[in-house]
Protein backbone atom coordinates (compact mmCIF):
# COMPACT_ATOMS: atom_id res chain seq x y z
CA MET A 1 -98.09 -12.40 -3.75
CA ILE A 2 -94.63 -10.95 -4.37
CA SER A 3 -93.66 -8.28 -6.87
CA MET A 4 -90.17 -6.97 -7.57
CA HIS A 5 -88.88 -3.84 -9.21
CA GLY A 6 -85.79 -1.64 -9.20
CA ASP A 7 -82.99 -0.63 -11.52
CA ILE A 8 -80.93 -3.76 -10.83
CA THR A 9 -83.62 -6.03 -12.24
CA SER A 10 -82.37 -5.00 -15.71
CA ARG A 11 -79.25 -7.08 -14.96
CA ILE A 12 -81.19 -10.33 -14.78
CA ASP A 13 -79.93 -12.28 -17.80
CA HIS A 14 -82.38 -15.06 -18.58
CA MET A 15 -79.93 -16.58 -21.06
CA ASP A 16 -77.08 -16.80 -18.52
CA SER A 17 -76.31 -20.44 -17.70
CA ARG A 18 -76.21 -19.46 -14.01
CA TYR A 19 -79.76 -18.17 -14.28
CA GLN A 20 -80.84 -21.37 -16.00
CA GLN A 21 -79.21 -23.36 -13.21
CA LEU A 22 -81.43 -21.52 -10.74
CA VAL A 23 -84.52 -22.11 -12.88
CA GLN A 24 -83.84 -25.83 -12.73
CA ALA A 25 -83.05 -25.63 -9.01
CA ASN A 26 -86.32 -23.79 -8.41
CA GLU A 27 -88.31 -26.68 -9.88
CA ARG A 28 -86.35 -29.22 -7.84
CA LEU A 29 -86.81 -27.17 -4.67
CA GLY A 30 -90.56 -27.37 -5.18
CA ARG A 31 -90.15 -31.16 -5.12
CA LYS A 32 -88.05 -30.95 -1.92
CA ASP A 33 -85.02 -32.41 -3.70
CA ALA A 34 -82.41 -32.81 -0.94
CA THR A 35 -79.59 -33.29 -3.46
CA LEU A 36 -79.72 -29.64 -4.56
CA TRP A 37 -76.79 -28.54 -2.39
CA GLY A 38 -74.44 -31.42 -3.07
CA PRO A 39 -73.68 -34.77 -1.45
CA GLU A 40 -72.18 -33.32 1.73
CA ALA A 41 -75.35 -31.32 2.42
CA GLN A 42 -77.83 -34.03 1.47
CA GLN A 43 -78.16 -35.69 4.87
CA GLU A 44 -78.90 -32.36 6.58
CA ALA A 45 -81.23 -31.15 3.82
CA GLN A 46 -83.31 -34.32 3.99
CA ILE A 47 -84.44 -33.41 7.50
CA ARG A 48 -84.80 -29.64 6.99
CA LEU A 49 -87.10 -29.14 3.99
CA ASN A 50 -90.54 -29.22 5.60
CA TRP A 51 -90.56 -25.41 5.75
CA ILE A 52 -91.81 -25.62 2.18
CA ASP A 53 -95.01 -27.30 3.40
CA LEU A 54 -95.71 -24.99 6.36
CA PRO A 55 -98.27 -22.73 4.61
CA SER A 56 -100.44 -25.87 4.41
CA THR A 57 -99.32 -28.12 7.26
CA SER A 58 -99.37 -25.39 9.90
CA ARG A 59 -103.14 -25.21 9.44
CA GLU A 60 -103.24 -28.37 11.53
CA LEU A 61 -102.21 -26.16 14.47
CA LEU A 62 -105.21 -23.84 14.15
CA PRO A 63 -107.58 -25.69 16.52
CA GLU A 64 -104.82 -25.96 19.11
CA LEU A 65 -103.97 -22.28 18.72
CA ASP A 66 -107.64 -21.30 19.04
CA ALA A 67 -107.88 -23.26 22.29
CA LEU A 68 -104.67 -21.71 23.56
CA SER A 69 -105.90 -18.20 22.76
CA ALA A 70 -109.16 -18.87 24.58
CA ARG A 71 -107.35 -20.24 27.62
CA TYR A 72 -105.21 -17.10 27.95
CA ARG A 73 -107.74 -14.54 26.80
CA HIS A 74 -107.55 -12.88 30.23
CA CYS A 75 -103.81 -12.27 29.85
CA THR A 76 -102.85 -8.75 28.88
CA ARG A 77 -99.15 -9.42 28.49
CA VAL A 78 -97.15 -12.02 26.56
CA ILE A 79 -93.45 -12.62 27.20
CA LEU A 80 -91.49 -14.71 24.72
CA CYS A 81 -88.24 -16.34 25.83
CA GLY A 82 -86.38 -17.44 22.73
CA MET A 83 -83.32 -16.82 20.59
CA GLY A 84 -82.75 -16.43 16.86
CA GLY A 85 -85.44 -18.14 14.83
CA SER A 86 -87.58 -18.56 17.94
CA SER A 87 -87.83 -14.81 18.56
CA LEU A 88 -87.17 -12.78 15.41
CA ALA A 89 -90.27 -13.90 13.49
CA PRO A 90 -92.67 -13.35 16.43
CA GLU A 91 -91.14 -9.91 16.94
CA VAL A 92 -91.79 -8.76 13.37
CA ILE A 93 -95.26 -10.35 13.37
CA ALA A 94 -96.21 -8.42 16.51
CA ALA A 95 -94.80 -5.15 15.20
CA THR A 96 -96.53 -5.55 11.83
CA TYR A 97 -99.91 -6.05 13.49
CA ASN A 98 -99.23 -3.38 16.14
CA LYS A 99 -99.48 -5.85 19.00
CA GLU A 100 -97.52 -5.87 22.25
CA ILE A 101 -95.10 -8.65 23.10
CA PHE A 102 -91.94 -8.61 25.20
CA ILE A 103 -89.15 -10.47 23.45
CA LEU A 104 -86.63 -11.82 25.96
CA ASP A 105 -83.61 -12.70 23.83
CA SER A 106 -80.87 -11.38 26.08
CA THR A 107 -78.97 -12.34 29.20
CA ASP A 108 -78.29 -8.73 30.19
CA PRO A 109 -79.69 -8.27 33.73
CA THR A 110 -80.77 -4.69 33.00
CA TYR A 111 -82.83 -5.86 30.03
CA LEU A 112 -84.17 -8.82 32.00
CA SER A 113 -85.39 -6.52 34.75
CA HIS A 114 -87.99 -5.02 32.37
CA ALA A 115 -89.57 -8.44 31.94
CA LEU A 116 -89.89 -8.96 35.70
CA LEU A 117 -92.17 -5.93 36.07
CA GLY A 118 -95.95 -5.97 35.72
CA ASP A 119 -98.88 -8.10 36.77
CA PHE A 120 -97.94 -11.75 36.34
CA SER A 121 -101.44 -12.94 37.18
CA HIS A 122 -102.34 -11.64 33.72
CA THR A 123 -99.13 -12.71 31.98
CA VAL A 124 -98.41 -15.75 29.82
CA ILE A 125 -94.79 -16.70 29.16
CA VAL A 126 -93.84 -18.60 26.01
CA VAL A 127 -90.59 -20.56 26.26
CA SER A 128 -89.37 -21.44 22.76
CA SER A 129 -86.35 -23.56 21.96
CA LYS A 130 -85.96 -25.96 19.05
CA SER A 131 -83.13 -27.93 20.63
CA GLY A 132 -84.49 -27.55 24.13
CA GLY A 133 -81.02 -26.80 25.43
CA THR A 134 -80.34 -23.16 24.56
CA ILE A 135 -78.60 -21.64 27.59
CA GLU A 136 -80.30 -18.24 27.32
CA THR A 137 -83.78 -19.75 27.12
CA ALA A 138 -83.15 -22.35 29.81
CA SER A 139 -81.87 -19.64 32.17
CA ALA A 140 -84.90 -17.42 31.49
CA ARG A 141 -87.27 -20.33 32.04
CA ALA A 142 -85.71 -21.10 35.42
CA LEU A 143 -85.93 -17.42 36.38
CA PHE A 144 -89.62 -17.11 35.52
CA GLU A 145 -90.57 -20.33 37.23
CA THR A 146 -88.91 -19.10 40.42
CA HIS A 147 -90.49 -15.66 40.05
CA LEU A 148 -93.99 -17.07 39.55
CA LEU A 149 -93.65 -19.30 42.59
CA ALA A 150 -92.47 -16.37 44.68
CA LEU A 151 -95.62 -14.51 43.65
CA GLY A 152 -97.78 -17.43 44.74
CA LEU A 153 -98.64 -18.36 41.16
CA VAL A 154 -98.51 -21.79 39.52
CA PRO A 155 -95.91 -21.82 36.69
CA GLN A 156 -97.87 -24.43 34.74
CA GLU A 157 -100.78 -22.00 34.49
CA HIS A 158 -98.67 -19.18 33.09
CA MET A 159 -96.12 -20.85 30.82
CA VAL A 160 -96.39 -22.43 27.37
CA ILE A 161 -93.53 -24.46 25.92
CA VAL A 162 -92.73 -24.64 22.20
CA THR A 163 -90.05 -27.12 21.20
CA ASP A 164 -89.26 -30.09 18.98
CA PRO A 165 -90.74 -33.44 19.99
CA GLY A 166 -88.37 -35.46 22.14
CA SER A 167 -86.10 -32.55 23.04
CA PRO A 168 -84.88 -32.31 26.65
CA LEU A 169 -87.26 -29.37 27.14
CA ASP A 170 -90.17 -31.37 25.70
CA ILE A 171 -89.52 -34.35 27.97
CA ASP A 172 -89.05 -32.27 31.12
CA ALA A 173 -92.00 -29.95 30.49
CA ARG A 174 -94.43 -32.78 29.78
CA SER A 175 -93.30 -34.67 32.87
CA ARG A 176 -94.18 -31.59 34.93
CA GLN A 177 -97.57 -31.00 33.25
CA PHE A 178 -96.71 -27.83 31.36
CA ILE A 179 -98.59 -27.04 28.17
CA VAL A 180 -96.35 -28.10 25.29
CA ILE A 181 -96.82 -27.45 21.59
CA ASN A 182 -94.42 -29.32 19.36
CA ALA A 183 -92.99 -27.84 16.19
CA ASP A 184 -92.13 -29.82 13.07
CA PRO A 185 -88.65 -31.25 13.78
CA HIS A 186 -87.88 -31.24 10.06
CA VAL A 187 -87.77 -27.44 9.92
CA GLY A 188 -84.62 -25.53 10.86
CA GLY A 189 -84.87 -22.70 13.35
CA ARG A 190 -84.29 -19.82 10.99
CA PHE A 191 -86.82 -21.27 8.50
CA SER A 192 -89.49 -21.65 11.21
CA ALA A 193 -91.43 -18.37 10.93
CA LEU A 194 -94.61 -20.14 9.79
CA SER A 195 -94.25 -23.02 12.26
CA ALA A 196 -95.34 -23.23 15.89
CA PHE A 197 -92.37 -21.03 16.82
CA GLY A 198 -93.86 -18.10 14.96
CA LEU A 199 -97.55 -18.89 15.25
CA VAL A 200 -97.96 -19.70 18.96
CA PRO A 201 -96.85 -16.23 20.14
CA ALA A 202 -98.80 -14.63 17.30
CA ALA A 203 -102.01 -16.38 18.34
CA LEU A 204 -101.53 -15.43 21.99
CA ILE A 205 -101.31 -11.73 21.15
CA GLY A 206 -104.54 -11.91 19.20
CA ILE A 207 -103.43 -12.30 15.59
CA ASP A 208 -105.43 -14.38 13.12
CA VAL A 209 -102.56 -16.56 11.95
CA SER A 210 -104.65 -18.03 9.14
CA VAL A 211 -104.16 -14.70 7.34
CA LEU A 212 -100.38 -15.20 7.44
CA LEU A 213 -100.74 -18.75 6.18
CA ASP A 214 -103.11 -17.72 3.38
CA SER A 215 -100.66 -15.08 2.21
CA ALA A 216 -97.74 -17.49 2.36
CA TYR A 217 -99.69 -20.18 0.49
CA ASP A 218 -100.52 -17.83 -2.38
CA ALA A 219 -96.89 -16.72 -2.59
CA LEU A 220 -95.70 -20.34 -2.46
CA GLU A 221 -97.74 -21.21 -5.54
CA GLN A 222 -96.14 -18.21 -7.27
CA LEU A 223 -92.64 -19.31 -6.20
CA LYS A 224 -93.15 -22.81 -7.54
CA GLY A 225 -94.21 -21.42 -10.91
CA GLU A 226 -92.27 -21.00 -14.12
CA HIS A 227 -91.61 -17.29 -13.48
CA SER A 228 -90.67 -17.48 -9.81
CA PRO A 229 -89.50 -14.07 -8.51
CA ALA A 230 -87.15 -15.93 -6.16
CA VAL A 231 -85.05 -17.04 -9.12
CA GLY A 232 -84.42 -13.44 -10.13
CA ALA A 233 -83.73 -12.35 -6.55
CA ALA A 234 -81.31 -15.21 -5.94
CA TYR A 235 -79.55 -14.50 -9.24
CA LEU A 236 -79.09 -10.84 -8.34
CA MET A 237 -77.89 -11.53 -4.81
CA ALA A 238 -75.50 -14.31 -5.83
CA HIS A 239 -74.18 -13.07 -9.16
CA CYS A 240 -74.83 -9.31 -9.38
CA SER A 241 -73.83 -8.43 -5.84
CA GLY A 242 -70.70 -8.71 -3.79
CA GLN A 243 -70.43 -9.64 -0.15
CA TYR A 244 -72.71 -6.89 1.19
CA ILE A 245 -76.46 -6.45 0.86
CA SER A 246 -78.33 -3.79 2.79
CA PHE A 247 -81.92 -4.16 3.96
CA SER A 248 -84.26 -1.41 5.07
CA ASP A 249 -87.81 -1.97 6.28
CA SER A 250 -88.39 1.73 6.94
CA GLN A 251 -91.99 2.73 6.14
CA SER A 252 -92.76 -0.79 4.95
CA GLY A 253 -95.29 -1.46 7.68
CA MET A 254 -93.23 -4.49 8.68
CA PRO A 255 -90.70 -3.20 11.24
CA GLY A 256 -88.15 -5.84 12.12
CA LEU A 257 -88.41 -7.72 8.83
CA SER A 258 -84.81 -6.75 8.02
CA ASP A 259 -83.60 -8.24 11.31
CA TRP A 260 -85.36 -11.50 10.52
CA ILE A 261 -83.85 -11.61 7.02
CA GLU A 262 -80.44 -10.76 8.49
CA GLN A 263 -80.40 -13.98 10.49
CA LEU A 264 -81.83 -16.06 7.65
CA VAL A 265 -79.31 -14.90 5.04
CA ALA A 266 -76.22 -14.47 7.25
CA GLU A 267 -76.50 -17.78 9.06
CA SER A 268 -77.53 -19.70 5.94
CA THR A 269 -74.86 -18.35 3.56
CA GLY A 270 -71.95 -17.33 5.81
CA LYS A 271 -69.76 -20.41 5.55
CA ASN A 272 -66.87 -21.79 3.52
CA GLN A 273 -65.60 -18.18 3.41
CA VAL A 274 -68.36 -17.16 1.01
CA GLY A 275 -71.70 -15.61 1.76
CA ARG A 276 -73.80 -12.51 1.71
CA LEU A 277 -73.66 -10.26 4.76
CA PRO A 278 -76.90 -8.35 5.38
CA VAL A 279 -76.39 -4.80 6.65
CA VAL A 280 -79.58 -3.61 8.34
CA ILE A 281 -79.88 0.13 7.81
CA GLU A 282 -82.16 2.74 9.34
CA GLU A 283 -83.79 3.85 6.09
CA SER A 284 -83.18 3.10 2.46
CA ASN A 285 -80.93 6.14 1.94
CA ALA A 286 -78.85 5.61 5.11
CA PRO A 287 -75.11 5.16 4.58
CA VAL A 288 -74.08 1.57 4.02
CA SER A 289 -70.71 2.53 2.60
CA GLY A 290 -68.72 0.24 0.40
CA ASP A 291 -70.22 -1.57 -2.57
CA ALA A 292 -73.55 -2.92 -1.39
CA LEU A 293 -76.75 -4.01 -3.10
CA ARG A 294 -79.63 -2.08 -1.51
CA ILE A 295 -82.92 -3.89 -0.90
CA ALA A 296 -86.12 -2.41 0.50
CA PHE A 297 -89.77 -3.42 0.72
CA ASN A 298 -91.29 -0.22 -0.59
CA GLY A 299 -90.12 3.09 -2.02
CA ASN A 300 -86.82 3.27 -3.87
CA ALA A 301 -83.83 0.93 -3.72
CA ASP A 302 -81.74 -1.14 -6.12
CA LEU A 303 -84.27 -3.91 -5.56
CA VAL A 304 -87.72 -3.43 -4.02
CA VAL A 305 -89.57 -6.57 -2.95
CA GLU A 306 -93.25 -5.91 -2.25
CA GLY A 307 -95.68 -8.27 -0.57
CA ASP A 308 -97.34 -8.71 2.79
CA LEU A 309 -95.70 -10.45 5.73
CA GLY A 310 -96.65 -14.07 5.12
CA ALA A 311 -95.52 -13.76 1.51
CA GLN A 312 -92.24 -12.15 2.58
CA PHE A 313 -91.50 -15.01 4.98
CA ILE A 314 -91.82 -17.76 2.41
CA PHE A 315 -90.20 -15.66 -0.35
CA TRP A 316 -87.01 -15.01 1.59
CA GLU A 317 -86.76 -18.59 2.80
CA TRP A 318 -87.11 -19.78 -0.79
CA THR A 319 -84.67 -17.20 -2.12
CA THR A 320 -82.10 -18.08 0.55
CA ALA A 321 -82.31 -21.76 -0.37
CA LEU A 322 -81.61 -20.85 -4.01
CA ILE A 323 -78.70 -18.60 -3.02
CA GLY A 324 -77.24 -21.68 -1.36
CA VAL A 325 -77.39 -23.46 -4.72
CA ALA A 326 -75.76 -20.53 -6.51
CA LEU A 327 -72.94 -20.24 -3.95
CA ALA A 328 -72.53 -24.00 -3.59
CA ILE A 329 -73.05 -23.98 0.17
CA ASP A 330 -75.38 -25.83 2.53
CA PRO A 331 -77.98 -23.29 3.75
CA TYR A 332 -79.18 -25.57 6.55
CA ASN A 333 -76.09 -26.08 8.68
CA GLN A 334 -74.32 -23.64 11.01
CA PRO A 335 -70.90 -25.21 11.61
CA ASN A 336 -69.35 -22.30 13.49
CA VAL A 337 -72.16 -21.32 15.86
CA THR A 338 -70.99 -23.77 18.53
CA GLU A 339 -67.53 -22.17 18.74
CA ALA A 340 -68.75 -19.25 20.86
CA LYS A 341 -70.97 -21.58 22.91
CA ASN A 342 -68.04 -23.84 23.71
CA GLN A 343 -65.83 -20.90 24.67
CA THR A 344 -68.60 -19.55 26.92
CA SER A 345 -68.92 -22.89 28.70
CA ALA A 346 -65.17 -23.11 29.14
CA LEU A 347 -65.02 -19.66 30.74
CA LEU A 348 -67.91 -20.37 33.10
CA GLN A 349 -66.15 -23.52 34.23
CA LEU A 350 -62.82 -21.73 34.59
CA TRP A 351 -64.40 -18.92 36.62
CA SER A 352 -66.22 -21.38 38.92
CA GLY A 353 -69.35 -19.26 38.73
CA LYS A 354 -67.78 -15.92 39.69
CA LEU A 355 -66.70 -13.27 37.22
CA PRO A 356 -63.03 -12.47 37.86
CA VAL A 357 -61.64 -8.95 38.04
CA LEU A 358 -60.87 -7.88 34.48
CA THR A 359 -58.15 -5.24 34.30
CA CYS A 360 -58.46 -2.66 31.55
CA ASN A 361 -55.64 -0.81 29.83
CA ALA A 362 -57.13 2.65 30.34
CA HIS A 363 -60.16 4.61 31.54
CA ASP A 364 -61.85 7.32 29.51
CA GLY A 365 -64.76 8.83 31.43
CA SER A 366 -67.28 6.07 32.09
CA VAL A 367 -65.61 3.68 29.65
CA GLU A 368 -62.89 1.11 30.31
CA ILE A 369 -60.68 0.34 27.31
CA PHE A 370 -59.45 -3.20 26.74
CA SER A 371 -56.92 -2.52 23.97
CA LYS A 372 -53.66 -0.65 23.66
CA GLU A 373 -55.46 2.66 23.00
CA THR A 374 -56.03 5.12 25.85
CA THR A 375 -59.20 6.94 24.71
CA VAL A 376 -62.52 5.88 23.24
CA GLN A 377 -61.92 8.03 20.18
CA ASP A 378 -58.51 6.45 19.57
CA THR A 379 -60.07 3.00 19.90
CA LEU A 380 -62.74 3.80 17.31
CA MET A 381 -60.13 5.34 15.01
CA ALA A 382 -58.03 2.19 15.36
CA ILE A 383 -61.06 0.12 14.35
CA ILE A 384 -61.57 2.29 11.28
CA ASP A 385 -57.88 2.20 10.37
CA SER A 386 -57.78 -1.59 10.71
CA VAL A 387 -60.63 -2.43 8.36
CA SER A 388 -59.45 -3.57 4.94
CA SER A 389 -60.56 -2.04 1.67
CA ASP A 390 -63.00 -4.93 1.13
CA GLY A 391 -63.84 -5.54 4.79
CA TYR A 392 -66.53 -4.60 7.27
CA ILE A 393 -66.90 -3.46 10.87
CA SER A 394 -69.19 -5.27 13.28
CA VAL A 395 -70.37 -3.55 16.46
CA MET A 396 -71.56 -6.06 19.07
CA ALA A 397 -73.32 -4.48 22.05
CA TYR A 398 -73.95 -6.71 25.08
CA LEU A 399 -76.32 -4.19 26.65
CA ASP A 400 -80.00 -3.36 27.15
CA ARG A 401 -81.60 -2.81 23.75
CA LEU A 402 -84.38 -0.76 25.36
CA LYS A 403 -82.62 1.68 27.70
CA ASP A 404 -79.39 1.68 25.69
CA ALA A 405 -81.13 1.79 22.30
CA GLN A 406 -79.48 5.04 21.20
CA LEU A 407 -76.13 3.23 20.99
CA ALA A 408 -77.35 1.71 17.71
CA GLN A 409 -76.76 5.15 16.15
CA ILE A 410 -73.05 4.28 16.08
CA ARG A 411 -73.62 2.01 13.07
CA ARG A 412 -74.57 4.93 10.86
CA VAL A 413 -71.77 7.14 12.17
CA LEU A 414 -69.02 4.54 11.70
CA ALA A 415 -70.28 3.65 8.22
CA ASP A 416 -70.04 7.29 7.24
CA LYS A 417 -66.61 7.80 8.84
CA SER A 418 -65.02 4.56 7.64
CA GLY A 419 -66.43 4.28 4.15
CA ARG A 420 -67.03 0.58 4.87
CA PRO A 421 -70.15 -1.46 5.67
CA VAL A 422 -70.93 -1.54 9.40
CA THR A 423 -73.30 -3.98 11.09
CA PHE A 424 -74.75 -3.58 14.58
CA GLY A 425 -75.97 -6.43 16.76
CA TRP A 426 -77.27 -6.77 20.30
CA GLY A 427 -75.51 -9.51 22.20
CA PRO A 428 -76.02 -12.32 22.74
CA ARG A 429 -78.87 -12.41 20.22
CA PHE A 430 -76.57 -11.78 17.23
CA LEU A 431 -74.67 -14.97 18.14
CA HIS A 432 -77.71 -16.81 16.76
CA SER A 433 -77.68 -14.64 13.63
CA THR A 434 -74.60 -12.97 12.16
CA GLY A 435 -72.35 -14.89 14.57
CA GLN A 436 -72.11 -17.72 12.03
CA PHE A 437 -71.11 -15.32 9.25
CA HIS A 438 -68.43 -13.64 11.38
CA LYS A 439 -66.53 -16.90 11.62
CA GLY A 440 -67.60 -18.78 8.51
CA GLY A 441 -68.08 -16.07 5.90
CA GLN A 442 -65.48 -13.91 4.19
CA GLN A 443 -62.58 -13.44 6.60
CA ASN A 444 -62.46 -9.65 6.53
CA GLY A 445 -64.32 -8.44 9.60
CA ILE A 446 -63.12 -6.10 12.36
CA PHE A 447 -65.02 -6.41 15.63
CA LEU A 448 -65.92 -3.93 18.36
CA GLN A 449 -67.46 -5.32 21.53
CA ILE A 450 -69.28 -3.03 23.94
CA THR A 451 -70.07 -4.53 27.33
CA GLY A 452 -71.36 -2.89 30.50
CA GLU A 453 -71.83 -3.06 34.23
CA THR A 454 -75.28 -3.59 35.66
CA GLU A 455 -76.74 -1.94 38.75
CA ASN A 456 -78.68 -5.00 39.86
CA ASP A 457 -77.45 -8.44 38.89
CA ILE A 458 -79.90 -11.35 38.78
CA ALA A 459 -79.16 -14.88 39.94
CA ILE A 460 -79.92 -17.84 37.67
CA PRO A 461 -81.85 -20.43 39.70
CA GLY A 462 -80.03 -23.75 39.83
CA LYS A 463 -76.72 -22.30 38.60
CA ASP A 464 -73.66 -21.05 40.43
CA PHE A 465 -73.35 -18.06 38.10
CA SER A 466 -75.51 -14.97 37.56
CA PHE A 467 -76.88 -13.41 34.39
CA HIS A 468 -74.14 -10.76 34.42
CA THR A 469 -71.49 -13.43 34.66
CA LEU A 470 -73.19 -15.34 31.84
CA ILE A 471 -73.36 -12.39 29.44
CA MET A 472 -69.74 -11.50 30.12
CA ALA A 473 -68.74 -15.11 29.46
CA GLN A 474 -70.70 -14.97 26.20
CA ALA A 475 -68.96 -11.76 25.14
CA LEU A 476 -65.45 -12.88 26.08
CA GLY A 477 -66.06 -16.38 24.76
CA ASP A 478 -67.07 -15.03 21.37
CA ALA A 479 -64.04 -12.72 21.40
CA GLN A 480 -61.80 -15.73 21.99
CA ALA A 481 -63.48 -17.62 19.14
CA LEU A 482 -62.88 -14.67 16.81
CA GLU A 483 -59.31 -14.02 17.97
CA SER A 484 -58.43 -17.68 17.51
CA ARG A 485 -59.17 -17.13 13.83
CA GLY A 486 -56.87 -14.11 13.65
CA PHE A 487 -59.56 -11.42 13.75
CA THR A 488 -59.09 -8.07 15.48
CA VAL A 489 -61.45 -7.68 18.44
CA MET A 490 -61.48 -4.55 20.62
CA ARG A 491 -63.65 -4.10 23.70
CA LEU A 492 -65.07 -1.07 25.45
CA HIS A 493 -66.69 -1.65 28.85
CA ILE A 494 -69.18 0.87 30.20
CA THR A 495 -69.18 1.44 33.95
CA ASN A 496 -72.17 3.81 33.88
CA ARG A 497 -74.72 2.92 31.18
CA ALA A 498 -76.26 6.31 30.39
CA ASP A 499 -73.00 8.26 30.54
CA GLY A 500 -70.95 5.61 28.75
CA VAL A 501 -73.32 5.28 25.80
CA ALA A 502 -73.36 9.05 25.34
CA GLU A 503 -69.57 9.23 25.58
CA ILE A 504 -69.04 6.51 22.97
CA LEU A 505 -71.46 8.18 20.55
CA ALA A 506 -69.81 11.58 21.10
CA ALA A 507 -66.38 10.06 20.46
CA SER A 508 -67.56 8.44 17.23
CA ARG A 509 -69.00 11.70 15.96
CA SER A 510 -65.83 13.62 16.70
CA ILE A 511 -63.68 11.47 14.43
CA VAL A 512 -62.45 13.50 11.50
């Protein structure tokens, strides 16, 4: 069950016609009314609403999941290859239950190298892709198949495929006798936490997924009721908040929940130049800067939403659908996500598989500067000076989120120094999350890319380009997509990871 409290709840006006609109929409959502978001969204909504049924229908997976768990009971390590909705829910599920799983949602060779360590005779690899054609997941799958064969292991005995029925991945995997579990094709990726995409990895790491489904089912009955807490939350986020909403899962017992909500809300609402941009903060009192509604899952915040993980999943999916009604946008499409993908493909073709020499404007220690500035500090100051009074800064780090994790501290520093909201995302995973908002939401972002060299590049089997070339194409392709829309994008490139990260952080802290 879900409970809500916080000072901002006093602003819920039950007599407001906008609130009454959401009350009516809540009842229609419970009936899976695909006309809720207007005629242009109806066709998409008709094939995306089965997430509402997942607390019940996913129980049909339980025998299959039990058999899968028994088959891989000897495995002590689970690796999940997936992006966006295929990885964020399993990550927060594992962290909540204090279970180990390696989430491979990057094309950075340094990050990839962690996954290639360990005893693969006791490893099961889950390859998750709704479309079956995601370049990051396809590249990782090819890498692991080659690696398993090199170790004298049979890939079909160590890999499980999760995808939509009839996808290219489904067809190929079945033809080669891999284990395949199909997800409901009428559920969008970011609404798929309680589908096979979330539950297969959870079962393999030893979680009783029926507990998640029970919790979600109880919350679903609450959400369908006359006093649905989602109506109040959607009203506050749509009508009592501006563009920015911060989320903190600190001390909630559900680490990573904010990252999952970030994708759900940003990608669902960030279009037609309206939306709500989640700012994931370190703890509830961390600087967001600017005018932002603060949401947490325990303790003190403007709005505190309490409930266990299964309830949180269905609550935020339901609330996001209602926000779409309030903002008059289609929460199920992602019209701008393909822009960066297309630019990446174009660069890979132009480069003919080999990353060209990229000439910087200046060097500052271990950092190359690709802008008119000559120092890291000047570059960061230029970013701060460029952000508008209603805008935000987005830091996009195409690095190793394990070894380079301390770089994330820059979000807090820049928020404090700039007085504006600052988001931080690891590339390319954010492309499947806030990447839609960057291009489709309010047009007031300033973007800082941080890329880096790698000591040991890794080839992609079957391709004429490596993982380092791919991640650089993803970074530069996204920059081109942003610049084509008139956004300011500045890039810092680290030549030595440890030194460069420290130098960038030191430069940010020295800004007066």
